[in-house]
Amino acid sequence: MSKVIAKFHWDCGRMGDVNGLFVADKAVLEAAYGKQVYFGEILGKHSEIYGDLDVGAITILTEDQDFIAKFIEIMGGGKISGYNPLSYLNEDEEDDE
């Protein structure tokens, strides 16, 4: 399965930004577009950060499979830093499908 290293960014106005750098299966990432991501109160009490994941929030940094394989070997897969939105997909929405 093809993997990507991706960067995530949401500007949450005066509350701050939510960022992440992560490794994901390309098909899983593409299937997540349009689904609701629920982070909860990650930017402080009563912040309730959530929304639909759109293509504009994700920047694919590389799809070079050799590089990604070596990167995973050294750094591990999944979340590299910050938040991986795929880990916060709204479970209720997935059950409705």
Protein backbone atom coordinates (compact mmCIF):
# COMPACT_ATOMS: atom_id res chain seq x y z
CA MET A 1 0.00 0.00 0.00
CA SER A 2 1.31 3.43 -0.96
CA LYS A 3 2.24 5.72 1.93
CA VAL A 4 2.70 9.48 2.24
CA ILE A 5 4.32 11.85 4.67
CA ALA A 6 1.81 14.63 5.19
CA LYS A 7 1.49 17.91 7.05
CA PHE A 8 -1.81 19.00 8.63
CA HIS A 9 -2.79 22.58 9.50
CA TRP A 10 -6.00 24.18 10.81
CA ASP A 11 -6.15 27.86 11.68
CA CYS A 12 -8.56 28.12 14.61
CA GLY A 13 -8.56 31.90 14.81
CA ARG A 14 -7.88 33.50 18.18
CA MET A 15 -7.67 30.10 19.86
CA GLY A 16 -4.56 29.11 17.90
CA ASP A 17 -3.50 26.60 15.28
CA VAL A 18 -3.59 22.81 15.13
CA ASN A 19 -0.66 21.26 13.28
CA GLY A 20 0.63 17.79 12.66
CA LEU A 21 3.20 15.84 10.71
CA PHE A 22 2.43 12.17 10.09
CA VAL A 23 2.85 9.07 7.93
CA ALA A 24 -0.32 7.55 6.49
CA ASP A 25 -1.56 5.14 3.87
CA LYS A 26 -2.51 7.29 0.89
CA ALA A 27 -5.85 5.50 0.39
CA VAL A 28 -6.78 5.92 4.08
CA LEU A 29 -5.97 9.64 3.93
CA GLU A 30 -7.98 10.15 0.73
CA ALA A 31 -10.94 8.25 2.21
CA ALA A 32 -10.89 10.58 5.24
CA TYR A 33 -11.50 13.74 3.19
CA GLY A 34 -14.95 15.09 3.96
CA LYS A 35 -15.23 13.20 7.26
CA GLN A 36 -15.55 14.98 10.59
CA VAL A 37 -12.49 15.26 12.79
CA TYR A 38 -13.13 15.88 16.50
CA PHE A 39 -10.15 17.00 18.60
CA GLY A 40 -12.11 18.10 21.68
CA GLU A 41 -10.59 20.76 23.92
CA ILE A 42 -7.00 20.56 22.60
CA LEU A 43 -6.60 24.36 22.55
CA GLY A 44 -7.86 24.94 26.07
CA LYS A 45 -11.00 24.58 28.11
CA HIS A 46 -14.20 25.10 26.07
CA SER A 47 -12.28 25.21 22.76
CA GLU A 48 -14.14 22.23 21.15
CA ILE A 49 -12.05 21.91 17.99
CA TYR A 50 -13.78 19.96 15.21
CA GLY A 51 -14.66 20.16 11.53
CA ASP A 52 -14.59 18.34 8.23
CA LEU A 53 -11.18 17.32 6.92
CA ASP A 54 -10.63 18.92 3.54
CA VAL A 55 -7.84 18.63 1.00
CA GLY A 56 -6.67 22.18 1.75
CA ALA A 57 -5.75 21.23 5.33
CA ILE A 58 -3.28 18.57 4.16
CA THR A 59 0.01 19.07 2.34
CA ILE A 60 1.66 15.94 0.97
CA LEU A 61 5.38 16.36 1.63
CA THR A 62 6.52 13.21 -0.13
CA GLU A 63 5.24 10.06 -1.80
CA ASP A 64 8.75 8.67 -2.36
CA GLN A 65 8.22 5.11 -1.11
CA ASP A 66 11.95 4.37 -0.65
CA PHE A 67 12.41 7.50 1.46
CA ILE A 68 9.26 6.79 3.48
CA ALA A 69 10.35 3.18 4.15
CA LYS A 70 13.74 4.38 5.44
CA PHE A 71 12.05 7.15 7.44
CA ILE A 72 9.67 4.68 9.12
CA GLU A 73 12.59 2.36 9.87
CA ILE A 74 14.37 5.19 11.71
CA MET A 75 11.52 7.27 13.14
CA GLY A 76 8.56 4.90 13.21
CA GLY A 77 5.23 5.33 11.47
CA GLY A 78 2.07 7.20 12.37
CA LYS A 79 2.34 10.53 14.14
CA ILE A 80 5.69 12.28 13.85
CA SER A 81 4.73 15.45 15.72
CA GLY A 82 1.61 17.40 16.59
CA TYR A 83 -1.76 15.91 15.73
CA ASN A 84 -2.67 13.27 13.16
CA PRO A 85 -6.27 14.04 12.13
CA LEU A 86 -6.81 10.42 11.10
CA SER A 87 -6.55 9.48 14.77
CA TYR A 88 -9.44 11.83 15.60
CA LEU A 89 -12.06 10.87 13.02
CA ASN A 90 -15.53 11.08 14.53
CA GLU A 91 -16.44 7.49 15.43
CA ASP A 92 -20.20 8.21 15.29
CA GLU A 93 -19.91 9.33 11.68
CA GLU A 94 -18.04 6.15 10.72
CA ASP A 95 -20.79 4.01 12.28
CA ASP A 96 -23.43 5.73 10.11
CA GLU A 97 -21.82 4.51 6.89
